[in-house]
Amino acid sequence: MKKLALIAAVVFTTLTLNSCRQSDDVLSPEEYETLKRAQDSSTVILDNNATVNPEQGDNPVSAIDGEIVPPPKK
Protein backbone atom coordinates (compact mmCIF):
# COMPACT_ATOMS: atom_id res chain seq x y z
CA MET A 1 0.00 0.00 0.00
CA LYS A 2 2.88 2.37 0.79
CA LYS A 3 4.49 1.64 -2.57
CA LEU A 4 1.27 2.49 -4.37
CA ALA A 5 0.94 5.77 -2.46
CA LEU A 6 4.57 6.66 -3.24
CA ILE A 7 4.15 5.90 -6.94
CA ALA A 8 0.92 7.93 -7.04
CA ALA A 9 2.64 10.86 -5.33
CA VAL A 10 5.53 10.77 -7.81
CA VAL A 11 3.18 10.59 -10.79
CA PHE A 12 1.00 13.40 -9.42
CA THR A 13 4.04 15.61 -8.74
CA THR A 14 5.49 14.95 -12.20
CA LEU A 15 2.22 15.74 -13.95
CA THR A 16 1.71 18.89 -11.88
CA LEU A 17 5.20 20.20 -12.60
CA ASN A 18 4.90 19.50 -16.33
CA SER A 19 1.49 21.16 -16.60
CA CYS A 20 2.67 24.28 -14.73
CA ARG A 21 5.75 24.65 -16.90
CA GLN A 22 5.78 27.78 -19.00
CA SER A 23 5.94 27.14 -22.73
CA ASP A 24 8.97 28.27 -24.71
CA ASP A 25 8.67 31.63 -26.38
CA VAL A 26 8.69 31.52 -30.15
CA LEU A 27 9.65 34.78 -31.83
CA SER A 28 7.79 36.08 -34.81
CA PRO A 29 9.87 37.18 -37.83
CA GLU A 30 9.33 40.85 -36.88
CA GLU A 31 10.46 40.24 -33.30
CA TYR A 32 13.49 38.31 -34.54
CA GLU A 33 14.54 41.19 -36.83
CA THR A 34 14.10 43.71 -34.01
CA LEU A 35 16.20 41.58 -31.67
CA LYS A 36 18.89 41.16 -34.33
CA ARG A 37 19.04 44.94 -34.94
CA ALA A 38 19.30 45.62 -31.20
CA GLN A 39 22.13 43.10 -30.83
CA ASP A 40 23.96 44.52 -33.85
CA SER A 41 23.69 48.08 -32.54
CA SER A 42 24.94 47.05 -29.09
CA THR A 43 27.90 45.28 -30.72
CA VAL A 44 28.77 48.45 -32.63
CA ILE A 45 28.57 50.50 -29.43
CA LEU A 46 30.80 48.04 -27.57
CA ASP A 47 33.31 48.07 -30.43
CA ASN A 48 33.39 51.87 -30.41
CA ASN A 49 33.93 51.94 -26.64
CA ALA A 50 36.76 49.41 -26.92
CA THR A 51 38.88 51.75 -29.03
CA VAL A 52 41.30 54.02 -27.20
CA ASN A 53 40.05 57.59 -26.91
CA PRO A 54 42.51 60.21 -28.19
CA GLU A 55 42.17 62.06 -24.88
CA GLN A 56 43.70 59.12 -23.02
CA GLY A 57 47.05 59.41 -24.74
CA ASP A 58 49.45 56.58 -25.39
CA ASN A 59 49.20 55.01 -21.91
CA PRO A 60 46.04 52.94 -21.65
CA VAL A 61 45.09 51.58 -18.25
CA SER A 62 46.23 48.07 -19.22
CA ALA A 63 49.82 49.31 -19.73
CA ILE A 64 50.29 50.12 -16.02
CA ASP A 65 51.68 46.61 -15.40
CA GLY A 66 49.13 45.77 -12.72
CA GLU A 67 50.05 48.62 -10.38
CA ILE A 68 47.18 50.16 -8.46
CA VAL A 69 47.20 53.92 -8.58
CA PRO A 70 46.13 55.58 -5.30
CA PRO A 71 43.11 57.91 -5.48
CA PRO A 72 43.83 61.63 -5.78
CA LYS A 73 44.03 63.62 -2.55
CA LYS A 74 41.44 66.31 -1.95
PDB file of N, CA and C in Angstrom:
ATOM      1  N   MET A   1       0.812  -1.186   0.000  1.00  0.00           N
ATOM      2  CA  MET A   1       0.000   0.000   0.000  1.00  0.00           C
ATOM      3  C   MET A   1       0.865   1.263   0.000  1.00  0.00           C
ATOM      4  N   LYS A   2       1.987   1.218   0.741  1.00  0.00           N
ATOM      5  CA  LYS A   2       2.878   2.369   0.793  1.00  0.00           C
ATOM      6  C   LYS A   2       3.536   2.606  -0.560  1.00  0.00           C
ATOM      7  N   LYS A   3       3.861   1.510  -1.250  1.00  0.00           N
ATOM      8  CA  LYS A   3       4.490   1.645  -2.575  1.00  0.00           C
ATOM      9  C   LYS A   3       3.524   2.306  -3.553  1.00  0.00           C
ATOM     10  N   LEU A   4       2.265   1.914  -3.479  1.00  0.00           N
ATOM     11  CA  LEU A   4       1.268   2.492  -4.371  1.00  0.00           C
ATOM     12  C   LEU A   4       1.093   3.985  -4.085  1.00  0.00           C
ATOM     13  N   ALA A   5       1.085   4.362  -2.828  1.00  0.00           N
ATOM     14  CA  ALA A   5       0.945   5.773  -2.458  1.00  0.00           C
ATOM     15  C   ALA A   5       2.162   6.573  -2.920  1.00  0.00           C
ATOM     16  N   LEU A   6       3.348   5.996  -2.800  1.00  0.00           N
ATOM     17  CA  LEU A   6       4.573   6.662  -3.243  1.00  0.00           C
ATOM     18  C   LEU A   6       4.579   6.844  -4.756  1.00  0.00           C
ATOM     19  N   ILE A   7       4.203   5.810  -5.475  1.00  0.00           N
ATOM     20  CA  ILE A   7       4.148   5.898  -6.943  1.00  0.00           C
ATOM     21  C   ILE A   7       3.112   6.934  -7.368  1.00  0.00           C
ATOM     22  N   ALA A   8       1.968   6.957  -6.723  1.00  0.00           N
ATOM     23  CA  ALA A   8       0.920   7.927  -7.044  1.00  0.00           C
ATOM     24  C   ALA A   8       1.395   9.350  -6.763  1.00  0.00           C
ATOM     25  N   ALA A   9       2.128   9.532  -5.661  1.00  0.00           N
ATOM     26  CA  ALA A   9       2.638  10.858  -5.327  1.00  0.00           C
ATOM     27  C   ALA A   9       3.659  11.323  -6.365  1.00  0.00           C
ATOM     28  N   VAL A  10       4.528  10.424  -6.803  1.00  0.00           N
ATOM     29  CA  VAL A  10       5.534  10.774  -7.808  1.00  0.00           C
ATOM     30  C   VAL A  10       4.856  11.119  -9.134  1.00  0.00           C
ATOM     31  N   VAL A  11       3.895  10.330  -9.537  1.00  0.00           N
ATOM     32  CA  VAL A  11       3.180  10.585 -10.787  1.00  0.00           C
ATOM     33  C   VAL A  11       2.420  11.910 -10.701  1.00  0.00           C
ATOM     34  N   PHE A  12       1.746  12.154  -9.597  1.00  0.00           N
ATOM     35  CA  PHE A  12       1.001  13.400  -9.416  1.00  0.00           C
ATOM     36  C   PHE A  12       1.929  14.608  -9.449  1.00  0.00           C
ATOM     37  N   THR A  13       3.078  14.506  -8.762  1.00  0.00           N
ATOM     38  CA  THR A  13       4.044  15.611  -8.740  1.00  0.00           C
ATOM     39  C   THR A  13       4.598  15.866 -10.134  1.00  0.00           C
ATOM     40  N   THR A  14       4.947  14.808 -10.844  1.00  0.00           N
ATOM     41  CA  THR A  14       5.494  14.949 -12.199  1.00  0.00           C
ATOM     42  C   THR A  14       4.484  15.607 -13.135  1.00  0.00           C
ATOM     43  N   LEU A  15       3.241  15.155 -13.086  1.00  0.00           N
ATOM     44  CA  LEU A  15       2.216  15.745 -13.952  1.00  0.00           C
ATOM     45  C   LEU A  15       1.946  17.205 -13.582  1.00  0.00           C
ATOM     46  N   THR A  16       1.952  17.507 -12.314  1.00  0.00           N
ATOM     47  CA  THR A  16       1.710  18.888 -11.881  1.00  0.00           C
ATOM     48  C   THR A  16       2.833  19.809 -12.348  1.00  0.00           C
ATOM     49  N   LEU A  17       4.072  19.360 -12.182  1.00  0.00           N
ATOM     50  CA  LEU A  17       5.202  20.197 -12.595  1.00  0.00           C
ATOM     51  C   LEU A  17       5.219  20.396 -14.103  1.00  0.00           C
ATOM     52  N   ASN A  18       4.897  19.366 -14.869  1.00  0.00           N
ATOM     53  CA  ASN A  18       4.897  19.500 -16.330  1.00  0.00           C
ATOM     54  C   ASN A  18       3.754  20.380 -16.814  1.00  0.00           C
ATOM     55  N   SER A  19       2.618  20.337 -16.152  1.00  0.00           N
ATOM     56  CA  SER A  19       1.493  21.158 -16.604  1.00  0.00           C
ATOM     57  C   SER A  19       1.688  22.625 -16.225  1.00  0.00           C
ATOM     58  N   CYS A  20       2.439  22.899 -15.160  1.00  0.00           N
ATOM     59  CA  CYS A  20       2.674  24.279 -14.733  1.00  0.00           C
ATOM     60  C   CYS A  20       3.854  24.915 -15.458  1.00  0.00           C
ATOM     61  N   ARG A  21       4.568  24.136 -16.213  1.00  0.00           N
ATOM     62  CA  ARG A  21       5.754  24.646 -16.896  1.00  0.00           C
ATOM     63  C   ARG A  21       5.341  25.642 -17.966  1.00  0.00           C
ATOM     64  N   GLN A  22       6.079  26.751 -18.023  1.00  0.00           N
ATOM     65  CA  GLN A  22       5.779  27.781 -19.001  1.00  0.00           C
ATOM     66  C   GLN A  22       6.309  27.341 -20.367  1.00  0.00           C
ATOM     67  N   SER A  23       5.522  27.550 -21.395  1.00  0.00           N
ATOM     68  CA  SER A  23       5.941  27.143 -22.730  1.00  0.00           C
ATOM     69  C   SER A  23       7.059  28.044 -23.240  1.00  0.00           C
ATOM     70  N   ASP A  24       7.873  27.497 -24.132  1.00  0.00           N
ATOM     71  CA  ASP A  24       8.973  28.266 -24.713  1.00  0.00           C
ATOM     72  C   ASP A  24       8.425  29.370 -25.601  1.00  0.00           C
ATOM     73  N   ASP A  25       9.086  30.510 -25.542  1.00  0.00           N
ATOM     74  CA  ASP A  25       8.671  31.630 -26.378  1.00  0.00           C
ATOM     75  C   ASP A  25       9.194  31.433 -27.797  1.00  0.00           C
ATOM     76  N   VAL A  26       8.318  31.598 -28.744  1.00  0.00           N
ATOM     77  CA  VAL A  26       8.686  31.520 -30.148  1.00  0.00           C
ATOM     78  C   VAL A  26       8.554  32.920 -30.720  1.00  0.00           C
ATOM     79  N   LEU A  27       9.649  33.418 -31.303  1.00  0.00           N
ATOM     80  CA  LEU A  27       9.653  34.781 -31.825  1.00  0.00           C
ATOM     81  C   LEU A  27       9.056  34.818 -33.225  1.00  0.00           C
ATOM     82  N   SER A  28       8.291  35.857 -33.473  1.00  0.00           N
ATOM     83  CA  SER A  28       7.786  36.083 -34.814  1.00  0.00           C
ATOM     84  C   SER A  28       8.922  36.650 -35.661  1.00  0.00           C
ATOM     85  N   PRO A  29       8.804  36.631 -36.983  1.00  0.00           N
ATOM     86  CA  PRO A  29       9.873  37.184 -37.829  1.00  0.00           C
ATOM     87  C   PRO A  29      10.158  38.655 -37.526  1.00  0.00           C
ATOM     88  N   GLU A  30       9.118  39.436 -37.206  1.00  0.00           N
ATOM     89  CA  GLU A  30       9.328  40.847 -36.882  1.00  0.00           C
ATOM     90  C   GLU A  30      10.106  40.998 -35.577  1.00  0.00           C
ATOM     91  N   GLU A  31       9.755  40.183 -34.576  1.00  0.00           N
ATOM     92  CA  GLU A  31      10.462  40.236 -33.303  1.00  0.00           C
ATOM     93  C   GLU A  31      11.916  39.792 -33.461  1.00  0.00           C
ATOM     94  N   TYR A  32      12.136  38.786 -34.293  1.00  0.00           N
ATOM     95  CA  TYR A  32      13.489  38.307 -34.539  1.00  0.00           C
ATOM     96  C   TYR A  32      14.345  39.402 -35.185  1.00  0.00           C
ATOM     97  N   GLU A  33      13.798  40.111 -36.161  1.00  0.00           N
ATOM     98  CA  GLU A  33      14.540  41.185 -36.827  1.00  0.00           C
ATOM     99  C   GLU A  33      14.844  42.323 -35.851  1.00  0.00           C
ATOM    100  N   THR A  34      13.879  42.664 -35.003  1.00  0.00           N
ATOM    101  CA  THR A  34      14.100  43.713 -34.008  1.00  0.00           C
ATOM    102  C   THR A  34      15.201  43.315 -33.035  1.00  0.00           C
ATOM    103  N   LEU A  35      15.170  42.077 -32.578  1.00  0.00           N
ATOM    104  CA  LEU A  35      16.203  41.579 -31.669  1.00  0.00           C
ATOM    105  C   LEU A  35      17.563  41.588 -32.335  1.00  0.00           C
ATOM    106  N   LYS A  36      17.619  41.188 -33.601  1.00  0.00           N
ATOM    107  CA  LYS A  36      18.891  41.165 -34.329  1.00  0.00           C
ATOM    108  C   LYS A  36      19.445  42.582 -34.489  1.00  0.00           C
ATOM    109  N   ARG A  37      18.575  43.561 -34.807  1.00  0.00           N
ATOM    110  CA  ARG A  37      19.035  44.945 -34.935  1.00  0.00           C
ATOM    111  C   ARG A  37      19.543  45.483 -33.599  1.00  0.00           C
ATOM    112  N   ALA A  38      18.864  45.156 -32.519  1.00  0.00           N
ATOM    113  CA  ALA A  38      19.300  45.616 -31.198  1.00  0.00           C
ATOM    114  C   ALA A  38      20.651  45.012 -30.834  1.00  0.00           C
ATOM    115  N   GLN A  39      20.851  43.739 -31.124  1.00  0.00           N
ATOM    116  CA  GLN A  39      22.126  43.096 -30.826  1.00  0.00           C
ATOM    117  C   GLN A  39      23.241  43.675 -31.695  1.00  0.00           C
ATOM    118  N   ASP A  40      22.950  43.943 -32.963  1.00  0.00           N
ATOM    119  CA  ASP A  40      23.955  44.525 -33.851  1.00  0.00           C
ATOM    120  C   ASP A  40      24.355  45.920 -33.389  1.00  0.00           C
ATOM    121  N   SER A  41      23.367  46.721 -32.969  1.00  0.00           N
ATOM    122  CA  SER A  41      23.692  48.078 -32.542  1.00  0.00           C
ATOM    123  C   SER A  41      24.480  48.056 -31.236  1.00  0.00           C
ATOM    124  N   SER A  42      24.173  47.123 -30.330  1.00  0.00           N
ATOM    125  CA  SER A  42      24.940  47.052 -29.085  1.00  0.00           C
ATOM    126  C   SER A  42      26.357  46.578 -29.355  1.00  0.00           C
ATOM    127  N   THR A  43      26.552  45.715 -30.357  1.00  0.00           N
ATOM    128  CA  THR A  43      27.895  45.277 -30.720  1.00  0.00           C
ATOM    129  C   THR A  43      28.709  46.439 -31.270  1.00  0.00           C
ATOM    130  N   VAL A  44      28.080  47.284 -32.083  1.00  0.00           N
ATOM    131  CA  VAL A  44      28.766  48.455 -32.633  1.00  0.00           C
ATOM    132  C   VAL A  44      29.161  49.407 -31.506  1.00  0.00           C
ATOM    133  N   ILE A  45      28.264  49.611 -30.551  1.00  0.00           N
ATOM    134  CA  ILE A  45      28.567  50.500 -29.429  1.00  0.00           C
ATOM    135  C   ILE A  45      29.717  49.947 -28.607  1.00  0.00           C
ATOM    136  N   LEU A  46      29.704  48.645 -28.343  1.00  0.00           N
ATOM    137  CA  LEU A  46      30.797  48.036 -27.571  1.00  0.00           C
ATOM    138  C   LEU A  46      32.123  48.133 -28.322  1.00  0.00           C
ATOM    139  N   ASP A  47      32.086  47.950 -29.636  1.00  0.00           N
ATOM    140  CA  ASP A  47      33.315  48.067 -30.427  1.00  0.00           C
ATOM    141  C   ASP A  47      33.847  49.494 -30.395  1.00  0.00           C
ATOM    142  N   ASN A  48      32.958  50.472 -30.451  1.00  0.00           N
ATOM    143  CA  ASN A  48      33.386  51.870 -30.406  1.00  0.00           C
ATOM    144  C   ASN A  48      33.969  52.219 -29.046  1.00  0.00           C
ATOM    145  N   ASN A  49      33.414  51.671 -27.981  1.00  0.00           N
ATOM    146  CA  ASN A  49      33.928  51.942 -26.640  1.00  0.00           C
ATOM    147  C   ASN A  49      35.247  51.229 -26.390  1.00  0.00           C
ATOM    148  N   ALA A  50      35.526  50.172 -27.123  1.00  0.00           N
ATOM    149  CA  ALA A  50      36.758  49.414 -26.917  1.00  0.00           C
ATOM    150  C   ALA A  50      37.966  50.121 -27.510  1.00  0.00           C
ATOM    151  N   THR A  51      37.756  51.026 -28.443  1.00  0.00           N
ATOM    152  CA  THR A  51      38.877  51.746 -29.025  1.00  0.00           C
ATOM    153  C   THR A  51      39.406  52.767 -28.026  1.00  0.00           C
ATOM    154  N   VAL A  52      40.672  53.074 -28.121  1.00  0.00           N
ATOM    155  CA  VAL A  52      41.296  54.016 -27.196  1.00  0.00           C
ATOM    156  C   VAL A  52      40.909  55.431 -27.604  1.00  0.00           C
ATOM    157  N   ASN A  53      40.419  56.198 -26.640  1.00  0.00           N
ATOM    158  CA  ASN A  53      40.054  57.589 -26.911  1.00  0.00           C
ATOM    159  C   ASN A  53      41.321  58.415 -27.092  1.00  0.00           C
ATOM    160  N   PRO A  54      41.322  59.385 -28.006  1.00  0.00           N
ATOM    161  CA  PRO A  54      42.509  60.208 -28.191  1.00  0.00           C
ATOM    162  C   PRO A  54      42.860  61.022 -26.950  1.00  0.00           C
ATOM    163  N   GLU A  55      41.898  61.288 -26.084  1.00  0.00           N
ATOM    164  CA  GLU A  55      42.170  62.056 -24.876  1.00  0.00           C
ATOM    165  C   GLU A  55      42.996  61.270 -23.873  1.00  0.00           C
ATOM    166  N   GLN A  56      42.983  59.939 -23.977  1.00  0.00           N
ATOM    167  CA  GLN A  56      43.702  59.119 -23.020  1.00  0.00           C
ATOM    168  C   GLN A  56      45.200  59.095 -23.269  1.00  0.00           C
ATOM    169  N   GLY A  57      45.621  59.419 -24.438  1.00  0.00           N
ATOM    170  CA  GLY A  57      47.046  59.412 -24.742  1.00  0.00           C
ATOM    171  C   GLY A  57      47.539  58.020 -25.106  1.00  0.00           C
ATOM    172  N   ASP A  58      48.849  57.848 -24.987  1.00  0.00           N
ATOM    173  CA  ASP A  58      49.452  56.581 -25.391  1.00  0.00           C
ATOM    174  C   ASP A  58      49.507  55.565 -24.256  1.00  0.00           C
ATOM    175  N   ASN A  59      49.106  55.912 -23.053  1.00  0.00           N
ATOM    176  CA  ASN A  59      49.205  55.011 -21.910  1.00  0.00           C
ATOM    177  C   ASN A  59      47.820  54.526 -21.483  1.00  0.00           C
ATOM    178  N   PRO A  60      47.328  53.464 -22.113  1.00  0.00           N
ATOM    179  CA  PRO A  60      46.038  52.939 -21.654  1.00  0.00           C
ATOM    180  C   PRO A  60      46.191  52.314 -20.271  1.00  0.00           C
ATOM    181  N   VAL A  61      45.093  52.097 -19.615  1.00  0.00           N
ATOM    182  CA  VAL A  61      45.092  51.578 -18.253  1.00  0.00           C
ATOM    183  C   VAL A  61      45.774  50.213 -18.189  1.00  0.00           C
ATOM    184  N   SER A  62      45.642  49.411 -19.245  1.00  0.00           N
ATOM    185  CA  SER A  62      46.229  48.073 -19.221  1.00  0.00           C
ATOM    186  C   SER A  62      47.756  48.105 -19.290  1.00  0.00           C
ATOM    187  N   ALA A  63      48.358  49.237 -19.617  1.00  0.00           N
ATOM    188  CA  ALA A  63      49.817  49.313 -19.726  1.00  0.00           C
ATOM    189  C   ALA A  63      50.476  49.706 -18.404  1.00  0.00           C
ATOM    190  N   ILE A  64      49.737  49.716 -17.304  1.00  0.00           N
ATOM    191  CA  ILE A  64      50.291  50.123 -16.020  1.00  0.00           C
ATOM    192  C   ILE A  64      51.046  48.963 -15.361  1.00  0.00           C
ATOM    193  N   ASP A  65      51.009  47.809 -15.914  1.00  0.00           N
ATOM    194  CA  ASP A  65      51.679  46.608 -15.400  1.00  0.00           C
ATOM    195  C   ASP A  65      51.082  46.162 -14.075  1.00  0.00           C
ATOM    196  N   GLY A  66      49.802  46.289 -13.903  1.00  0.00           N
ATOM    197  CA  GLY A  66      49.128  45.772 -12.722  1.00  0.00           C
ATOM    198  C   GLY A  66      49.244  46.617 -11.490  1.00  0.00           C
ATOM    199  N   GLU A  67      49.908  47.770 -11.546  1.00  0.00           N
ATOM    200  CA  GLU A  67      50.047  48.622 -10.378  1.00  0.00           C
ATOM    201  C   GLU A  67      48.723  49.341 -10.111  1.00  0.00           C
ATOM    202  N   ILE A  68      48.402  49.455  -8.841  1.00  0.00           N
ATOM    203  CA  ILE A  68      47.181  50.156  -8.460  1.00  0.00           C
ATOM    204  C   ILE A  68      47.551  51.589  -8.119  1.00  0.00           C
ATOM    205  N   VAL A  69      46.910  52.513  -8.773  1.00  0.00           N
ATOM    206  CA  VAL A  69      47.196  53.924  -8.575  1.00  0.00           C
ATOM    207  C   VAL A  69      46.333  54.413  -7.411  1.00  0.00           C
ATOM    208  N   PRO A  70      46.932  55.095  -6.436  1.00  0.00           N
ATOM    209  CA  PRO A  70      46.129  55.585  -5.303  1.00  0.00           C
ATOM    210  C   PRO A  70      45.190  56.693  -5.766  1.00  0.00           C
ATOM    211  N   PRO A  71      44.064  56.857  -5.074  1.00  0.00           N
ATOM    212  CA  PRO A  71      43.113  57.906  -5.481  1.00  0.00           C
ATOM    213  C   PRO A  71      43.711  59.287  -5.230  1.00  0.00           C
ATOM    214  N   PRO A  72      43.293  60.275  -5.968  1.00  0.00           N
ATOM    215  CA  PRO A  72      43.832  61.628  -5.778  1.00  0.00           C
ATOM    216  C   PRO A  72      43.418  62.189  -4.423  1.00  0.00           C
ATOM    217  N   LYS A  73      44.304  63.004  -3.855  1.00  0.00           N
ATOM    218  CA  LYS A  73      44.026  63.619  -2.552  1.00  0.00           C
ATOM    219  C   LYS A  73      43.198  64.871  -2.763  1.00  0.00           C
ATOM    220  N   LYS A  74      42.298  65.137  -1.833  1.00  0.00           N
ATOM    221  CA  LYS A  74      41.438  66.311  -1.948  1.00  0.00           C
ATOM    222  C   LYS A  74      42.111  67.540  -1.390  1.00  0.00           C
TER     223      LYS A  74
END
